Protein backbone atom coordinates (compact mmCIF):
# COMPACT_ATOMS: atom_id res chain seq x y z
CA MET A 1 19.32 -23.10 -5.73
CA PHE A 2 18.98 -19.31 -6.66
CA PRO A 3 16.80 -18.17 -9.49
CA ASN A 4 18.74 -15.91 -12.22
CA GLN A 5 18.02 -12.19 -11.12
CA ASP A 6 18.04 -9.10 -13.29
CA SER A 7 20.13 -6.22 -12.48
CA PRO A 8 18.81 -3.34 -10.78
CA MET A 9 18.90 -1.19 -14.27
CA ARG A 10 16.75 -4.33 -15.76
CA GLN A 11 14.52 -4.45 -12.68
CA VAL A 12 13.49 -0.65 -13.13
CA MET A 13 12.84 -1.35 -16.87
CA ARG A 14 10.85 -4.46 -16.26
CA ALA A 15 8.71 -2.95 -13.59
CA PHE A 16 7.54 -0.05 -15.78
CA GLY A 17 7.07 -2.57 -18.55
CA ARG A 18 4.40 -4.86 -16.79
CA GLY A 19 1.45 -2.71 -17.87
CA MET A 20 0.28 -1.69 -14.41
CA SER A 21 -0.87 2.38 -14.26
CA VAL A 22 1.93 4.37 -12.50
CA LEU A 23 -0.36 7.03 -11.30
CA MET A 24 2.60 9.69 -10.80
CA PRO A 25 6.10 10.45 -11.77
CA LEU A 26 6.95 7.98 -8.88
CA ALA A 27 10.62 7.91 -9.33
CA ALA A 28 11.00 11.66 -9.38
CA MET A 29 8.35 12.14 -6.56
CA VAL A 30 10.17 9.61 -4.20
CA ALA A 31 13.34 11.42 -4.88
CA ALA A 32 12.00 14.43 -4.05
CA ILE A 33 10.55 13.72 -0.79
CA THR A 34 12.75 10.67 0.83
CA PRO A 35 15.30 12.61 3.04
CA ALA A 36 19.06 12.11 2.02
CA ALA A 37 20.95 9.20 3.42
CA GLY A 38 21.95 9.89 6.74
CA GLN A 39 19.65 12.91 7.21
CA PRO A 40 16.25 11.29 9.16
CA SER A 41 13.35 13.77 9.28
CA ALA A 42 12.58 12.28 12.69
CA LYS A 43 14.95 13.09 16.01
CA VAL A 44 15.20 11.25 19.06
CA ALA A 45 16.88 12.81 22.14
CA VAL A 46 19.35 10.04 23.77
CA SER A 47 19.19 9.91 27.41
CA ALA A 48 22.66 9.86 28.94
CA ASP A 49 21.64 7.83 31.92
CA ALA A 50 20.10 4.93 29.45
CA VAL A 51 22.86 4.17 27.45
CA GLU A 52 26.52 4.48 27.18
CA TRP A 53 26.95 4.98 23.24
CA ASP A 54 25.07 7.52 21.18
CA GLU A 55 26.12 5.80 17.86
CA ILE A 56 26.79 2.57 16.99
CA GLU A 57 28.84 1.66 13.88
CA ILE A 58 28.72 -2.37 12.53
CA ASP A 59 30.51 -3.73 9.46
CA LEU A 60 27.93 -6.78 8.31
CA SER A 61 28.45 -9.07 5.56
CA LYS A 62 26.77 -11.75 3.95
CA GLY A 63 28.17 -14.67 1.69
CA PRO A 64 28.43 -18.28 1.35
CA ALA A 65 28.74 -20.64 4.59
CA ALA A 66 29.05 -24.16 5.27
CA ARG A 67 27.68 -25.23 8.54
CA SER A 68 26.73 -28.57 10.58
CA ILE A 69 22.89 -29.00 10.63
CA LEU A 70 22.81 -32.75 10.44
CA PRO A 71 25.18 -35.13 11.30
CA GLY A 72 27.69 -36.19 8.49
CA PRO A 73 28.37 -33.54 5.68
CA LEU A 74 28.45 -29.71 5.98
CA THR A 75 25.53 -28.02 4.75
CA ASN A 76 26.31 -25.23 2.34
CA GLY A 77 24.50 -22.06 2.28
CA LEU A 78 24.42 -17.95 2.93
CA SER A 79 25.21 -16.52 6.63
CA TYR A 80 25.27 -13.06 7.77
CA SER A 81 28.96 -12.00 9.79
CA ALA A 82 29.47 -9.01 11.81
CA ALA A 83 32.08 -7.05 13.30
CA VAL A 84 31.78 -3.92 15.87
CA ARG A 85 33.65 -1.19 14.74
CA HIS A 86 32.25 1.32 17.37
CA GLY A 87 30.26 0.60 20.41
CA PRO A 88 29.66 -1.97 22.95
CA PRO A 89 30.91 -5.64 22.32
CA ASP A 90 27.24 -6.97 22.53
CA ALA A 91 26.09 -4.90 19.66
CA ALA A 92 26.33 -7.55 17.49
CA VAL A 93 26.99 -11.44 18.83
CA ALA A 94 27.54 -14.49 16.80
CA MET A 95 25.58 -17.32 17.39
CA PRO A 96 27.96 -20.12 17.96
CA GLY A 97 28.27 -23.04 15.00
CA SER A 98 24.90 -21.90 13.67
CA TYR A 99 24.19 -20.39 9.97
CA PHE A 100 21.91 -17.89 11.92
CA GLY A 101 22.97 -14.41 11.63
CA PRO A 102 24.52 -12.59 14.44
CA THR A 103 22.44 -11.00 17.25
CA LEU A 104 22.04 -6.82 16.75
CA ARG A 105 21.20 -5.12 19.99
CA ALA A 106 20.53 -1.39 20.55
CA TRP A 107 18.85 1.03 23.11
CA LYS A 108 15.91 3.21 21.74
CA GLY A 109 17.30 6.66 21.18
CA GLN A 110 21.07 5.27 19.54
CA VAL A 111 21.72 5.64 16.28
CA VAL A 112 22.97 2.09 14.50
CA THR A 113 25.18 2.44 11.37
CA VAL A 114 25.63 -0.97 9.37
CA ARG A 115 27.86 -0.97 6.40
CA LEU A 116 26.76 -4.22 4.79
CA THR A 117 28.99 -5.77 2.36
CA ASN A 118 27.18 -8.34 -0.22
CA ASN A 119 29.40 -11.38 -1.11
CA THR A 120 26.78 -13.61 -2.17
CA GLY A 121 27.21 -13.74 -6.14
CA ILE A 122 23.90 -12.75 -6.56
CA PRO A 123 21.79 -9.46 -6.05
CA SER A 124 20.60 -8.46 -2.48
CA VAL A 125 19.38 -5.78 -0.14
CA THR A 126 18.25 -6.10 3.53
CA HIS A 127 15.02 -5.24 5.17
CA TRP A 128 14.99 -4.28 9.33
CA HIS A 129 11.84 -6.07 10.01
CA GLY A 130 9.64 -3.97 12.18
CA LEU A 131 11.76 -1.03 12.70
CA ASP A 132 10.50 2.50 11.89
CA VAL A 133 13.33 3.65 9.68
CA PRO A 134 13.88 6.16 6.81
CA SER A 135 12.49 4.73 3.25
CA GLU A 136 15.98 4.59 1.44
CA VAL A 137 17.62 2.36 4.32
CA ASP A 138 14.22 0.06 4.76
CA GLY A 139 15.41 -2.41 2.38
CA HIS A 140 12.92 -2.07 -0.63
CA PRO A 141 13.66 -4.26 -3.64
CA ARG A 142 14.77 -1.04 -5.81
CA LEU A 143 17.71 -0.46 -3.84
CA SER A 144 19.59 -4.27 -4.26
CA ILE A 145 23.26 -4.11 -4.37
CA ASP A 146 25.45 -6.51 -6.69
CA SER A 147 27.62 -8.57 -5.09
CA GLY A 148 30.79 -6.88 -4.04
CA ALA A 149 29.24 -3.66 -3.11
CA THR A 150 28.67 -2.11 0.12
CA ALA A 151 25.70 -0.51 1.40
CA THR A 152 25.25 1.86 4.27
CA TYR A 153 22.13 1.81 6.49
CA ARG A 154 22.19 4.68 9.27
CA LEU A 155 19.27 3.76 11.63
CA PRO A 156 17.91 5.92 14.14
CA ILE A 157 16.39 3.68 16.71
CA ILE A 158 12.95 5.17 17.59
CA ASN A 159 11.37 2.08 18.12
CA ARG A 160 10.49 0.96 21.56
CA ALA A 161 11.90 -2.09 23.09
CA GLY A 162 11.04 -5.09 21.42
CA THR A 163 12.16 -8.22 19.34
CA TYR A 164 12.75 -7.14 15.63
CA TRP A 165 14.86 -9.04 12.95
CA TYR A 166 16.61 -8.73 9.82
CA HIS A 167 16.49 -10.44 6.42
CA PRO A 168 17.28 -9.79 2.70
CA HIS A 169 14.21 -8.53 0.72
CA PRO A 170 15.28 -8.73 -3.40
CA ASP A 171 12.41 -8.83 -5.66
CA MET A 172 11.63 -12.53 -6.77
CA ALA A 173 14.45 -14.00 -4.41
CA THR A 174 13.68 -13.27 -1.30
CA ALA A 175 12.61 -16.65 0.10
CA ASP A 176 15.87 -18.25 -1.74
CA GLN A 177 18.03 -15.93 0.44
CA VAL A 178 16.29 -16.26 3.60
CA TYR A 179 15.78 -20.09 3.46
CA ALA A 180 19.61 -20.51 2.47
CA GLY A 181 20.42 -18.65 5.88
CA LEU A 182 20.37 -14.93 5.78
CA ALA A 183 18.39 -13.80 8.78
CA GLY A 184 19.27 -12.65 12.17
CA PHE A 185 17.37 -10.74 15.30
CA PHE A 186 17.76 -7.15 16.15
CA ILE A 187 16.91 -6.40 19.51
CA VAL A 188 16.05 -2.89 21.18
CA HIS A 189 15.86 -2.12 24.61
CA ASP A 190 14.84 0.90 26.81
CA GLU A 191 14.05 2.14 30.11
CA GLU A 192 10.54 1.13 30.13
CA GLU A 193 11.87 -3.07 29.51
CA ALA A 194 14.45 -2.19 32.06
CA ALA A 195 12.11 -1.42 34.90
CA ALA A 196 9.86 -4.32 34.04
CA GLY A 197 12.16 -6.82 36.02
CA LEU A 198 12.09 -9.19 33.15
CA PRO A 199 14.88 -12.08 32.78
CA THR A 200 17.92 -10.98 31.08
CA GLY A 201 21.23 -12.66 29.83
CA GLN A 202 21.26 -16.22 29.50
CA TYR A 203 17.68 -16.41 30.77
CA ASP A 204 16.71 -14.16 27.52
CA LEU A 205 16.51 -16.40 24.97
CA PRO A 206 15.91 -15.34 21.28
CA LEU A 207 14.70 -18.98 19.38
CA CYS A 208 14.50 -18.46 15.34
CA ILE A 209 12.01 -21.39 14.37
CA GLN A 210 12.59 -22.69 10.61
CA ASP A 211 11.82 -25.63 8.70
CA ALA A 212 13.55 -27.02 6.16
CA THR A 213 13.97 -30.12 3.81
CA PHE A 214 17.42 -31.62 3.17
CA ASP A 215 18.59 -34.33 0.93
CA ALA A 216 20.93 -37.13 1.18
CA SER A 217 24.21 -35.04 1.18
CA ASN A 218 22.47 -32.93 3.63
CA GLN A 219 21.66 -30.17 1.16
CA ARG A 220 18.69 -27.90 1.47
CA ILE A 221 16.11 -28.42 -1.49
CA TYR A 222 13.90 -25.73 -1.95
CA ASN A 223 10.47 -26.76 -3.64
CA PRO A 224 7.50 -24.51 -3.08
CA GLY A 225 4.07 -24.77 -4.32
CA MET A 226 1.63 -22.11 -5.25
CA VAL A 227 -0.49 -22.78 -2.43
CA PRO A 228 1.26 -23.72 0.55
CA GLY A 229 4.51 -22.23 -0.18
CA PHE A 230 7.27 -24.06 1.20
CA LEU A 231 6.74 -26.45 4.10
CA GLY A 232 9.87 -28.59 5.32
CA ASN A 233 10.41 -31.59 6.78
CA ARG A 234 12.55 -30.64 9.46
CA ILE A 235 12.32 -28.19 12.15
CA LEU A 236 15.42 -26.25 13.22
CA VAL A 237 15.86 -23.47 16.22
CA ASN A 238 18.38 -21.14 15.81
CA GLY A 239 19.91 -22.93 12.87
CA LYS A 240 20.06 -26.33 14.93
CA ALA A 241 18.05 -29.50 14.46
CA ASP A 242 16.55 -31.53 17.61
CA VAL A 243 17.24 -28.91 20.16
CA VAL A 244 17.09 -29.56 23.51
CA HIS A 245 17.93 -26.38 25.66
CA SER A 246 19.13 -26.98 29.41
CA ALA A 247 17.17 -25.16 31.73
CA ALA A 248 16.99 -24.53 35.35
CA THR A 249 14.12 -24.36 37.54
CA ARG A 250 13.58 -20.46 36.93
CA VAL A 251 11.62 -18.13 34.85
CA TYR A 252 12.99 -17.38 31.22
CA ARG A 253 12.10 -14.81 28.34
CA LEU A 254 11.57 -16.78 25.23
CA ARG A 255 11.60 -14.37 22.40
CA LEU A 256 9.88 -16.41 19.92
CA LEU A 257 10.44 -15.47 15.95
CA ASN A 258 8.66 -17.38 12.88
CA GLY A 259 11.71 -17.24 10.57
CA SER A 260 10.24 -19.91 8.19
CA VAL A 261 9.50 -19.30 4.70
CA SER A 262 6.23 -20.67 4.72
CA ARG A 263 4.95 -22.57 7.88
CA ILE A 264 2.66 -21.55 10.33
CA TYR A 265 2.75 -22.50 14.23
CA LYS A 266 0.21 -23.17 16.47
CA LEU A 267 2.73 -23.15 19.80
CA ALA A 268 2.12 -24.71 22.55
CA PHE A 269 3.96 -26.63 25.89
CA ALA A 270 3.29 -30.46 25.78
CA ASP A 271 2.46 -30.69 29.18
CA SER A 272 -0.24 -28.22 28.66
CA THR A 273 1.49 -25.41 30.67
CA PRO A 274 -0.35 -22.04 29.71
CA MET A 275 1.51 -19.45 27.62
CA MET A 276 1.91 -16.63 29.31
CA VAL A 277 2.56 -13.69 26.57
CA ILE A 278 4.35 -10.41 27.62
CA GLY A 279 5.30 -9.37 24.31
CA THR A 280 4.26 -8.98 20.41
CA ASP A 281 6.03 -7.67 17.24
CA GLY A 282 6.25 -4.30 18.34
CA GLY A 283 7.36 -4.74 22.00
CA LEU A 284 6.04 -5.50 25.54
CA LEU A 285 2.09 -5.67 26.03
CA ASP A 286 0.46 -3.63 28.38
CA ALA A 287 -0.05 -6.15 30.85
CA PRO A 288 0.50 -10.29 30.50
CA ARG A 289 -2.22 -12.38 29.04
CA GLN A 290 -2.38 -16.03 28.98
CA TYR A 291 -3.30 -17.96 25.99
CA PRO A 292 -3.70 -22.23 25.66
CA TYR A 293 -1.70 -21.63 22.68
CA VAL A 294 -0.17 -18.95 20.63
CA MET A 295 -0.35 -18.69 16.55
CA LEU A 296 2.66 -17.61 15.26
CA SER A 297 3.04 -17.21 11.28
CA PRO A 298 5.95 -16.24 9.21
CA GLY A 299 7.46 -12.45 10.10
CA GLU A 300 5.67 -12.67 13.70
CA ARG A 301 7.42 -12.73 17.15
CA VAL A 302 6.08 -13.11 20.54
CA ASP A 303 7.65 -12.87 23.84
CA ILE A 304 6.68 -15.64 26.43
CA TRP A 305 7.17 -15.87 30.49
CA ALA A 306 8.33 -19.64 30.46
CA ASP A 307 8.27 -20.29 34.35
CA PHE A 308 9.89 -23.81 35.06
CA ARG A 309 10.43 -23.11 38.81
CA ASP A 310 7.54 -25.74 39.67
CA LYS A 311 8.97 -28.54 37.19
CA PRO A 312 10.75 -31.31 38.68
CA LEU A 313 14.22 -32.18 37.82
CA GLY A 314 15.01 -34.61 35.09
CA ALA A 315 11.36 -33.13 33.75
CA ARG A 316 11.34 -32.60 29.44
CA ILE A 317 9.05 -30.23 28.20
CA PRO A 318 8.59 -30.23 24.43
CA LEU A 319 7.33 -27.04 22.54
CA ARG A 320 4.97 -28.08 19.80
CA SER A 321 2.91 -27.01 17.30
CA LEU A 322 -0.46 -28.31 17.27
CA ALA A 323 -2.87 -29.24 14.65
CA PHE A 324 -5.10 -27.00 12.98
CA SER A 325 -6.92 -26.47 9.55
CA SER A 326 -6.16 -23.71 7.09
CA ASN A 327 -7.10 -25.03 3.19
CA ALA A 328 -3.64 -25.05 2.47
CA LEU A 329 -1.98 -28.31 3.49
CA GLN A 330 -0.73 -25.94 6.73
CA GLY A 331 -1.48 -27.20 10.42
CA SER A 332 0.22 -30.87 10.73
CA PRO A 333 1.43 -31.16 14.04
CA VAL A 334 5.05 -31.06 14.89
CA ASP A 335 7.78 -30.60 17.39
CA ILE A 336 9.84 -27.63 17.86
CA MET A 337 12.27 -28.26 20.85
CA THR A 338 12.79 -29.65 24.19
CA PHE A 339 13.39 -27.68 27.59
CA SER A 340 15.52 -30.49 29.70
CA ILE A 341 15.03 -29.00 33.26
CA ASP A 342 18.09 -30.39 34.74
CA ARG A 343 19.28 -28.13 37.31
CA PRO A 344 18.20 -26.13 40.63
CA ALA A 345 17.89 -22.61 41.02
CA PHE A 346 16.36 -19.98 43.27
CA GLU A 347 14.46 -17.06 42.07
CA ASN A 348 11.72 -14.98 43.67
CA ARG A 349 11.13 -12.74 40.51
CA ARG A 350 6.94 -12.22 40.26
CA LEU A 351 5.60 -11.50 36.82
CA PRO A 352 4.44 -7.88 36.63
CA ALA A 353 1.01 -6.87 36.35
CA ARG A 354 1.62 -4.17 34.06
CA LEU A 355 4.70 -4.20 31.78
CA SER A 356 4.25 -0.89 29.78
CA HIS A 357 2.30 1.77 28.58
CA ILE A 358 0.42 1.47 25.41
CA GLU A 359 -1.71 4.34 23.96
CA ARG A 360 -4.92 2.48 22.26
CA PHE A 361 -5.93 4.29 18.90
CA ARG A 362 -9.73 5.30 18.44
CA LEU A 363 -11.37 4.39 15.03
CA GLU A 364 -13.15 7.93 15.40
CA ASP A 365 -9.74 9.63 15.14
CA ALA A 366 -8.78 8.19 11.85
CA VAL A 367 -8.70 10.76 9.02
CA ASN A 368 -10.79 8.01 7.25
CA ALA A 369 -12.76 6.46 9.81
CA THR A 370 -15.96 6.68 7.47
CA ASN A 371 -14.03 5.64 4.34
CA PRO A 372 -11.58 2.75 4.93
CA LYS A 373 -8.70 1.43 2.62
CA VAL A 374 -9.48 -1.68 1.40
CA TYR A 375 -6.75 -4.13 0.43
CA ALA A 376 -8.68 -7.60 -1.21
CA ILE A 377 -6.43 -10.59 -0.94
CA ASN A 378 -7.56 -12.87 -4.24
CA ALA A 379 -5.65 -15.40 -6.47
CA VAL A 380 -5.20 -14.73 -10.23
CA GLY A 381 -4.49 -17.02 -13.32
CA GLY A 382 -1.23 -16.82 -15.64
CA GLY A 383 1.94 -16.64 -13.79
CA PRO A 384 5.06 -16.07 -15.83
CA GLY A 385 4.88 -17.67 -18.99
CA GLY A 386 0.83 -18.40 -18.59
CA GLY A 387 1.08 -20.86 -15.97
CA GLY A 388 -0.31 -21.23 -12.98
CA MET A 389 -2.35 -18.95 -10.47
CA ARG A 390 -0.68 -15.98 -8.34
CA PHE A 391 -2.06 -14.34 -5.02
CA THR A 392 -2.85 -10.57 -5.41
CA LEU A 393 -2.82 -7.66 -3.11
CA ASN A 394 -5.16 -4.65 -3.29
CA GLY A 395 -6.30 -6.02 -6.93
CA GLY A 396 -2.39 -6.21 -8.55
CA LEU A 397 0.97 -7.99 -8.19
CA PHE A 398 4.22 -6.29 -7.45
CA ASP A 399 5.62 -3.66 -9.67
CA MET A 400 8.69 -1.89 -8.71
CA MET A 401 7.58 1.62 -8.76
CA ALA A 402 3.65 1.52 -8.90
CA VAL A 403 1.20 3.42 -6.56
CA ALA A 404 -2.66 3.00 -6.51
CA PRO A 405 -4.66 5.98 -5.36
CA ASN A 406 -5.70 4.05 -2.27
CA GLU A 407 -1.64 3.38 -1.51
CA VAL A 408 -0.69 6.79 -0.82
CA ALA A 409 -1.34 8.63 2.76
CA ARG A 410 0.45 11.70 4.72
CA CYS A 411 2.88 11.19 7.23
CA GLU A 412 1.93 11.39 10.67
CA THR A 413 -1.78 10.53 10.45
CA LEU A 414 -3.83 7.94 11.52
CA GLU A 415 -5.83 5.57 9.25
CA VAL A 416 -7.78 2.33 9.16
CA ILE A 417 -7.01 0.19 6.83
CA THR A 418 -9.38 -3.12 6.09
CA VAL A 419 -7.54 -6.31 4.59
CA THR A 420 -9.65 -8.64 3.20
CA ASN A 421 -9.32 -12.79 2.32
CA THR A 422 -12.90 -13.46 1.46
CA ALA A 423 -12.91 -14.27 -2.45
CA GLY A 424 -11.15 -15.86 -5.28
CA MET A 425 -10.36 -18.99 -6.72
CA MET A 426 -8.22 -20.11 -3.59
CA VAL A 427 -8.51 -18.43 -0.32
CA VAL A 428 -5.83 -19.74 2.35
CA PRO A 429 -3.95 -18.17 4.99
CA HIS A 430 -1.76 -15.50 4.83
CA PRO A 431 0.44 -13.55 7.30
CA ILE A 432 0.50 -9.53 6.13
CA HIS A 433 3.28 -7.63 6.78
CA PHE A 434 3.59 -3.63 6.57
CA HIS A 435 6.95 -1.91 6.32
CA GLY A 436 7.65 1.54 7.95
CA ARG A 437 5.14 1.37 11.24
CA GLN A 438 4.06 -0.50 13.69
CA PHE A 439 0.06 -0.91 14.01
CA GLN A 440 -2.87 -1.86 16.41
CA ILE A 441 -5.33 -4.29 15.27
CA LEU A 442 -8.80 -3.03 15.62
CA ASP A 443 -11.15 -6.18 14.95
CA ARG A 444 -11.62 -9.16 12.95
CA THR A 445 -14.44 -10.94 11.29
CA VAL A 446 -15.22 -14.11 9.51
CA THR A 447 -17.59 -15.29 6.90
CA PRO A 448 -19.46 -18.40 7.99
CA THR A 449 -17.31 -20.35 5.27
CA GLY A 450 -14.43 -19.65 7.31
CA LEU A 451 -15.62 -20.65 10.44
CA ALA A 452 -14.36 -24.01 10.75
CA ASN A 453 -10.52 -23.03 10.04
CA TRP A 454 -10.89 -19.99 12.29
CA ASN A 455 -11.96 -21.99 15.42
CA THR A 456 -9.05 -23.77 15.15
CA VAL A 457 -6.50 -20.76 15.76
CA LYS A 458 -8.86 -18.35 17.03
CA ASP A 459 -7.96 -18.77 20.99
CA GLY A 460 -4.09 -18.08 19.97
CA LEU A 461 -4.52 -15.12 18.02
CA VAL A 462 -2.48 -12.05 19.70
CA ASP A 463 -3.86 -9.15 18.94
CA GLN A 464 -2.72 -6.84 21.64
CA GLY A 465 -0.10 -4.25 21.58
CA TRP A 466 1.66 -3.42 18.72
CA LYS A 467 1.89 -5.52 15.58
CA ASP A 468 3.39 -5.42 12.16
CA THR A 469 2.57 -8.85 10.81
CA PHE A 470 -0.64 -10.55 11.37
CA LEU A 471 -2.26 -13.66 10.19
CA ILE A 472 -5.40 -13.53 8.35
CA MET A 473 -7.44 -16.90 8.11
CA PRO A 474 -9.53 -17.60 5.03
CA GLY A 475 -12.76 -16.13 5.05
CA GLU A 476 -11.18 -13.48 7.75
CA THR A 477 -11.58 -9.40 7.43
CA VAL A 478 -8.98 -7.88 9.55
CA ARG A 479 -8.95 -3.84 10.08
CA ILE A 480 -5.83 -2.43 11.78
CA LEU A 481 -5.49 1.42 12.76
CA VAL A 482 -1.79 3.08 11.89
CA ARG A 483 -0.24 6.09 12.73
CA HIS A 484 1.84 6.54 9.76
CA GLY A 485 5.50 7.89 10.57
CA ALA A 486 7.65 10.92 10.16
CA TYR A 487 9.89 9.34 7.04
CA PRO A 488 8.17 10.08 3.69
CA GLY A 489 8.88 7.83 0.73
CA LEU A 490 8.27 4.60 -0.74
CA PHE A 491 7.37 1.59 1.72
CA MET A 492 6.06 -1.68 0.87
CA TYR A 493 3.49 -4.35 2.41
CA HIS A 494 3.18 -8.12 1.35
CA CYS A 495 2.35 -11.19 2.44
CA HIS A 496 5.25 -12.87 4.57
CA ASN A 497 4.79 -16.36 3.11
CA LEU A 498 7.71 -15.36 1.42
CA ALA A 499 7.16 -17.96 -1.53
CA HIS A 500 4.13 -15.85 -2.40
CA GLU A 501 5.87 -12.52 -1.95
CA ASP A 502 8.26 -13.78 -4.61
CA MET A 503 5.51 -14.39 -6.72
CA GLY A 504 4.58 -10.92 -6.69
CA MET A 505 2.14 -10.83 -3.44
CA MET A 506 3.63 -7.38 -2.69
CA ARG A 507 2.79 -3.75 -3.16
CA ASN A 508 3.96 -0.32 -2.82
CA PHE A 509 2.90 2.38 -0.37
CA LEU A 510 3.86 5.99 -0.51
CA LEU A 511 3.91 8.38 2.52
CA THR A 512 4.02 12.18 1.76
CA PRO A 513 5.04 14.78 3.97
């Protein structure tokens, strides 16, 4: 199931031998500007009233695991497991009976130290998706460790409250390892969220949606294609199939994560209840917004205020992915899970009119307002061994240490970046993810040839608030505004269709002091 992978030294040698221009002595430069491990350049004060613990220490390991997913034989795969060494017990909570990793929780201002042991039998590294952390702990493939080794990740939690997650990020093997079961939620809380009066405890539901295909012995089959990536024929929620969630007549907070390798979802309740969005990748919106459906591409998250108070007892409300068109075999309708309204509850909670404060960036304040960086998506022929096509970003494929001139920025500057998906042999949708910082979507434009596909998804694109991943459809151009963080070093941006990423649709981004 897993491809052969080079040693870290051979990866670096191969990176420098691919023929792409390295525009500076990058390894030395990264070493010079990256803070030493455990010495982040950004400091955040901890409010004694907000958190009981300043520091949390977690032992995390990943290795083989067999779980019951479908009736019959156990399914072999990989899984994370955790133990809290120092901190509150709910800093790491396992999902019982599931391959999906334990949910990690922290408050803004805390420092979380994760000692991660790799017992998978293959090289691996872990990325803390959406968290603004130093480059040496962000999960770049150059930092992969061999099986049997342990890496220490010291994570200062400077993000606002939100639904983040963690997963492997090794070069050419990310899809394999995530598909095998390696992923988990990382939920951050803060005082602003606590003041909003949202559902908590058992009514705050993190739900990871993934797809898979199984053989007759219940073992996963991974057979990606270049254009769509991988599309499984079974939908899993938190590692389980055919999920029916027992619900009361009350309000729930649904934290929806698309943890699939490639599949894009167009999510809606089957009874036409509107999707009331209260948060996205980087936490709460400023105010709730109503959608008929929400688009969720791999890596994206969205928080939904699900109000079941007017539902009759005995009602069964499916959550579905509706049909849409995409040029890429994506968009077939599928059922995700079902909410069974099976018990009464009294609650007078009201949806807040205001949820949080979000400072809106302005284009005119960007240092490159009149000269935006442009990263084009394209497709090229001649993959490894001379066969097939691969998708490129900014004119190139992934090279372990290469950085182009327009992939360098100074820390703490505001920039506008334009991503185009309008040309090439094969124009299909892509989820684009930037490491190292949340950003804001400025606007979208679409070509006339892209309108037919775009019209089937446009009403569910949640572009408000803070984002780290966005869906770009065929024919679209998306402009984002990002204020780069305080941590210098080598970060990445890539397609979060993990099959595309593993084929090289990934690039480096260097932040300098």
